[in-house]
Amino acid sequence: MNETEFKASALDLLKASLGYKSNVRDELLTIIVSGVIEELTSEKGILLDSNNSSHLMFVVDLSAFRYENKGGNVMPRNLEYRLRNLIIKFGGGSIE
């Protein structure tokens, strides 16, 4: 799966996770997904594997958190723990 397909899959899963069936919020959700991927690759240095379902689900879960909290809350421990593991195991690159 390439980067475009990865983002499209993340968007579809995010919409399902949030319970949205229409395309009304697609623009905002797409920007959030892209921002999360950019942050993980550029700022955190994580080499995202587009064929790794746990990477896809982390992008979806973090995007859902960002959407639902509008940046106002502290990241939940489960997301923080998963992020640390991604940095340790996959640090040093960008999406394949």
N, C-alpha and C. Protein backbone atom coordinates (compact mmCIF):
# COMPACT_ATOMS: atom_id res chain seq x y z
N MET A 1 0.86 -1.17 0.00
CA MET A 1 0.00 0.00 0.00
C MET A 1 0.90 1.23 0.00
N ASN A 2 0.60 2.20 -0.85
CA ASN A 2 1.40 3.43 -0.89
C ASN A 2 0.85 4.46 0.11
N GLU A 3 1.50 5.62 0.16
CA GLU A 3 1.11 6.64 1.15
C GLU A 3 -0.32 7.12 0.94
N THR A 4 -0.73 7.30 -0.31
CA THR A 4 -2.10 7.76 -0.60
C THR A 4 -3.12 6.73 -0.14
N GLU A 5 -2.86 5.47 -0.41
CA GLU A 5 -3.78 4.41 0.02
C GLU A 5 -3.79 4.30 1.55
N PHE A 6 -2.64 4.50 2.17
CA PHE A 6 -2.54 4.48 3.64
C PHE A 6 -3.42 5.57 4.24
N LYS A 7 -3.32 6.78 3.69
CA LYS A 7 -4.15 7.89 4.19
C LYS A 7 -5.63 7.63 3.96
N ALA A 8 -5.98 7.08 2.79
CA ALA A 8 -7.38 6.78 2.48
C ALA A 8 -7.92 5.72 3.43
N SER A 9 -7.13 4.69 3.70
CA SER A 9 -7.55 3.65 4.64
C SER A 9 -7.72 4.22 6.04
N ALA A 10 -6.77 5.08 6.43
CA ALA A 10 -6.85 5.71 7.75
C ALA A 10 -8.12 6.56 7.86
N LEU A 11 -8.43 7.31 6.80
CA LEU A 11 -9.64 8.14 6.80
C LEU A 11 -10.89 7.28 6.93
N ASP A 12 -10.97 6.21 6.15
CA ASP A 12 -12.14 5.32 6.21
C ASP A 12 -12.31 4.71 7.60
N LEU A 13 -11.21 4.25 8.18
CA LEU A 13 -11.28 3.66 9.51
C LEU A 13 -11.61 4.69 10.58
N LEU A 14 -11.08 5.90 10.42
CA LEU A 14 -11.37 6.98 11.36
C LEU A 14 -12.85 7.32 11.33
N LYS A 15 -13.40 7.44 10.14
CA LYS A 15 -14.83 7.73 10.01
C LYS A 15 -15.67 6.64 10.64
N ALA A 16 -15.29 5.38 10.42
CA ALA A 16 -16.01 4.26 11.03
C ALA A 16 -15.90 4.31 12.55
N SER A 17 -14.71 4.62 13.05
CA SER A 17 -14.49 4.71 14.49
C SER A 17 -15.33 5.80 15.13
N LEU A 18 -15.46 6.92 14.41
CA LEU A 18 -16.24 8.04 14.93
C LEU A 18 -17.74 7.91 14.64
N GLY A 19 -18.11 6.94 13.80
CA GLY A 19 -19.52 6.71 13.48
C GLY A 19 -20.06 7.61 12.38
N TYR A 20 -19.19 8.15 11.53
CA TYR A 20 -19.62 9.02 10.44
C TYR A 20 -19.78 8.23 9.16
N LYS A 21 -20.92 8.42 8.49
CA LYS A 21 -21.17 7.74 7.23
C LYS A 21 -21.15 8.69 6.05
N SER A 22 -21.33 9.97 6.30
CA SER A 22 -21.33 10.95 5.21
C SER A 22 -19.93 11.51 5.01
N ASN A 23 -19.78 12.32 3.98
CA ASN A 23 -18.49 12.93 3.66
C ASN A 23 -18.37 14.35 4.18
N VAL A 24 -19.28 14.78 5.02
CA VAL A 24 -19.33 16.16 5.48
C VAL A 24 -18.04 16.59 6.17
N ARG A 25 -17.46 15.72 6.97
CA ARG A 25 -16.26 16.08 7.73
C ARG A 25 -14.96 15.56 7.11
N ASP A 26 -15.04 15.06 5.89
CA ASP A 26 -13.86 14.45 5.25
C ASP A 26 -12.68 15.41 5.15
N GLU A 27 -12.93 16.66 4.82
CA GLU A 27 -11.82 17.61 4.66
C GLU A 27 -11.06 17.78 5.98
N LEU A 28 -11.79 18.00 7.06
CA LEU A 28 -11.16 18.16 8.37
C LEU A 28 -10.45 16.88 8.80
N LEU A 29 -11.11 15.75 8.65
CA LEU A 29 -10.51 14.48 9.07
C LEU A 29 -9.28 14.14 8.25
N THR A 30 -9.31 14.46 6.96
CA THR A 30 -8.15 14.21 6.09
C THR A 30 -6.95 15.05 6.54
N ILE A 31 -7.21 16.28 6.91
CA ILE A 31 -6.14 17.16 7.39
C ILE A 31 -5.58 16.64 8.72
N ILE A 32 -6.44 16.16 9.58
CA ILE A 32 -5.98 15.61 10.86
C ILE A 32 -5.12 14.37 10.63
N VAL A 33 -5.57 13.46 9.77
CA VAL A 33 -4.80 12.26 9.46
C VAL A 33 -3.44 12.63 8.88
N SER A 34 -3.43 13.55 7.92
CA SER A 34 -2.17 13.98 7.30
C SER A 34 -1.25 14.62 8.34
N GLY A 35 -1.82 15.42 9.23
CA GLY A 35 -1.04 16.06 10.28
C GLY A 35 -0.43 15.05 11.23
N VAL A 36 -1.19 14.03 11.59
CA VAL A 36 -0.68 12.99 12.48
C VAL A 36 0.46 12.23 11.81
N ILE A 37 0.28 11.87 10.54
CA ILE A 37 1.34 11.15 9.82
C ILE A 37 2.59 12.02 9.71
N GLU A 38 2.40 13.30 9.39
CA GLU A 38 3.54 14.23 9.28
C GLU A 38 4.26 14.36 10.62
N GLU A 39 3.50 14.47 11.69
CA GLU A 39 4.11 14.59 13.02
C GLU A 39 4.90 13.33 13.37
N LEU A 40 4.32 12.18 13.11
CA LEU A 40 5.00 10.92 13.45
C LEU A 40 6.28 10.75 12.64
N THR A 41 6.24 11.10 11.37
CA THR A 41 7.42 10.89 10.53
C THR A 41 8.45 12.00 10.68
N SER A 42 8.01 13.25 10.64
CA SER A 42 8.96 14.38 10.66
C SER A 42 9.43 14.73 12.06
N GLU A 43 8.51 14.84 13.00
CA GLU A 43 8.88 15.28 14.34
C GLU A 43 9.36 14.13 15.23
N LYS A 44 8.69 12.99 15.13
CA LYS A 44 9.05 11.86 15.99
C LYS A 44 10.04 10.91 15.33
N GLY A 45 10.24 11.05 14.01
CA GLY A 45 11.21 10.22 13.29
C GLY A 45 10.82 8.76 13.17
N ILE A 46 9.52 8.47 13.14
CA ILE A 46 9.05 7.09 13.08
C ILE A 46 8.94 6.66 11.61
N LEU A 47 9.47 5.50 11.32
CA LEU A 47 9.36 4.91 9.99
C LEU A 47 8.05 4.13 9.94
N LEU A 48 7.01 4.76 9.41
CA LEU A 48 5.71 4.10 9.32
C LEU A 48 5.74 3.10 8.17
N ASP A 49 5.27 1.90 8.44
CA ASP A 49 5.16 0.86 7.43
C ASP A 49 3.70 0.82 6.99
N SER A 50 3.45 1.17 5.74
CA SER A 50 2.08 1.25 5.25
C SER A 50 1.38 -0.10 5.21
N ASN A 51 2.12 -1.18 5.34
CA ASN A 51 1.52 -2.52 5.34
C ASN A 51 1.37 -3.09 6.75
N ASN A 52 1.70 -2.31 7.75
CA ASN A 52 1.61 -2.74 9.14
C ASN A 52 0.30 -2.23 9.73
N SER A 53 -0.60 -3.15 10.05
CA SER A 53 -1.92 -2.74 10.54
C SER A 53 -1.86 -2.04 11.89
N SER A 54 -0.86 -2.35 12.72
CA SER A 54 -0.76 -1.65 14.00
C SER A 54 -0.36 -0.20 13.79
N HIS A 55 0.43 0.09 12.77
CA HIS A 55 0.78 1.48 12.45
C HIS A 55 -0.45 2.22 11.96
N LEU A 56 -1.22 1.57 11.10
CA LEU A 56 -2.45 2.19 10.59
C LEU A 56 -3.41 2.48 11.73
N MET A 57 -3.59 1.54 12.64
CA MET A 57 -4.52 1.74 13.75
C MET A 57 -4.03 2.80 14.72
N PHE A 58 -2.71 2.93 14.89
CA PHE A 58 -2.21 4.00 15.75
C PHE A 58 -2.52 5.36 15.14
N VAL A 59 -2.33 5.49 13.83
CA VAL A 59 -2.66 6.75 13.14
C VAL A 59 -4.15 7.04 13.32
N VAL A 60 -5.00 6.02 13.17
CA VAL A 60 -6.45 6.20 13.33
C VAL A 60 -6.78 6.60 14.76
N ASP A 61 -6.24 5.91 15.73
CA ASP A 61 -6.54 6.19 17.14
C ASP A 61 -6.05 7.57 17.57
N LEU A 62 -4.85 7.94 17.14
CA LEU A 62 -4.33 9.27 17.48
C LEU A 62 -5.13 10.36 16.77
N SER A 63 -5.54 10.10 15.54
CA SER A 63 -6.37 11.06 14.81
C SER A 63 -7.73 11.24 15.48
N ALA A 64 -8.32 10.14 15.94
CA ALA A 64 -9.61 10.22 16.65
C ALA A 64 -9.45 11.02 17.93
N PHE A 65 -8.36 10.78 18.66
CA PHE A 65 -8.10 11.54 19.89
C PHE A 65 -7.98 13.03 19.57
N ARG A 66 -7.21 13.36 18.53
CA ARG A 66 -7.02 14.77 18.16
C ARG A 66 -8.34 15.41 17.76
N TYR A 67 -9.17 14.69 17.01
CA TYR A 67 -10.45 15.23 16.57
C TYR A 67 -11.39 15.45 17.76
N GLU A 68 -11.47 14.49 18.63
CA GLU A 68 -12.41 14.55 19.74
C GLU A 68 -11.99 15.52 20.83
N ASN A 69 -10.70 15.78 20.97
CA ASN A 69 -10.21 16.62 22.06
C ASN A 69 -9.73 17.99 21.62
N LYS A 70 -9.67 18.23 20.35
CA LYS A 70 -9.26 19.54 19.81
C LYS A 70 -7.97 20.03 20.44
N GLY A 71 -7.09 19.10 20.79
CA GLY A 71 -5.78 19.47 21.34
C GLY A 71 -5.80 19.92 22.78
N GLY A 72 -6.93 19.80 23.46
CA GLY A 72 -7.04 20.34 24.80
C GLY A 72 -6.68 19.39 25.93
N ASN A 73 -6.61 18.11 25.67
CA ASN A 73 -6.36 17.15 26.74
C ASN A 73 -4.99 16.51 26.62
N VAL A 74 -4.57 15.91 27.71
CA VAL A 74 -3.32 15.15 27.73
C VAL A 74 -3.58 13.82 27.03
N MET A 75 -2.59 13.36 26.27
CA MET A 75 -2.72 12.10 25.55
C MET A 75 -2.95 10.95 26.54
N PRO A 76 -3.92 10.09 26.26
CA PRO A 76 -4.16 8.93 27.14
C PRO A 76 -2.93 8.03 27.22
N ARG A 77 -2.81 7.35 28.34
CA ARG A 77 -1.63 6.51 28.57
C ARG A 77 -1.46 5.44 27.51
N ASN A 78 -2.56 4.85 27.03
CA ASN A 78 -2.41 3.79 26.04
C ASN A 78 -1.81 4.32 24.75
N LEU A 79 -2.19 5.53 24.32
CA LEU A 79 -1.60 6.13 23.13
C LEU A 79 -0.15 6.53 23.38
N GLU A 80 0.11 7.05 24.55
CA GLU A 80 1.47 7.44 24.92
C GLU A 80 2.40 6.22 24.92
N TYR A 81 1.93 5.14 25.48
CA TYR A 81 2.70 3.89 25.53
C TYR A 81 2.98 3.36 24.13
N ARG A 82 1.93 3.34 23.29
CA ARG A 82 2.10 2.86 21.91
C ARG A 82 3.05 3.77 21.13
N LEU A 83 2.97 5.07 21.35
CA LEU A 83 3.86 6.01 20.68
C LEU A 83 5.32 5.75 21.07
N ARG A 84 5.56 5.58 22.34
CA ARG A 84 6.93 5.28 22.79
C ARG A 84 7.47 4.00 22.16
N ASN A 85 6.62 2.99 22.08
CA ASN A 85 7.05 1.74 21.45
C ASN A 85 7.36 1.93 19.98
N LEU A 86 6.55 2.73 19.28
CA LEU A 86 6.81 3.01 17.86
C LEU A 86 8.14 3.74 17.69
N ILE A 87 8.39 4.71 18.55
CA ILE A 87 9.64 5.48 18.47
C ILE A 87 10.84 4.55 18.70
N ILE A 88 10.74 3.69 19.69
CA ILE A 88 11.84 2.79 19.99
C ILE A 88 12.07 1.79 18.86
N LYS A 89 10.99 1.21 18.35
CA LYS A 89 11.14 0.14 17.37
C LYS A 89 11.30 0.64 15.92
N PHE A 90 10.61 1.74 15.57
CA PHE A 90 10.57 2.18 14.18
C PHE A 90 11.10 3.60 13.98
N GLY A 91 11.84 4.12 14.94
CA GLY A 91 12.38 5.47 14.81
C GLY A 91 13.40 5.57 13.69
N GLY A 92 13.43 6.75 13.04
CA GLY A 92 14.46 7.00 12.06
C GLY A 92 14.07 6.93 10.62
N GLY A 93 12.91 7.44 10.23
CA GLY A 93 12.55 7.41 8.82
C GLY A 93 11.21 8.02 8.53
N SER A 94 10.65 7.64 7.37
CA SER A 94 9.35 8.13 6.95
C SER A 94 8.54 6.99 6.36
N ILE A 95 7.31 7.28 5.96
CA ILE A 95 6.40 6.26 5.45
C ILE A 95 6.98 5.57 4.22
N GLU A 96 6.81 4.26 4.15
CA GLU A 96 7.31 3.48 3.00
C GLU A 96 6.27 3.43 1.93
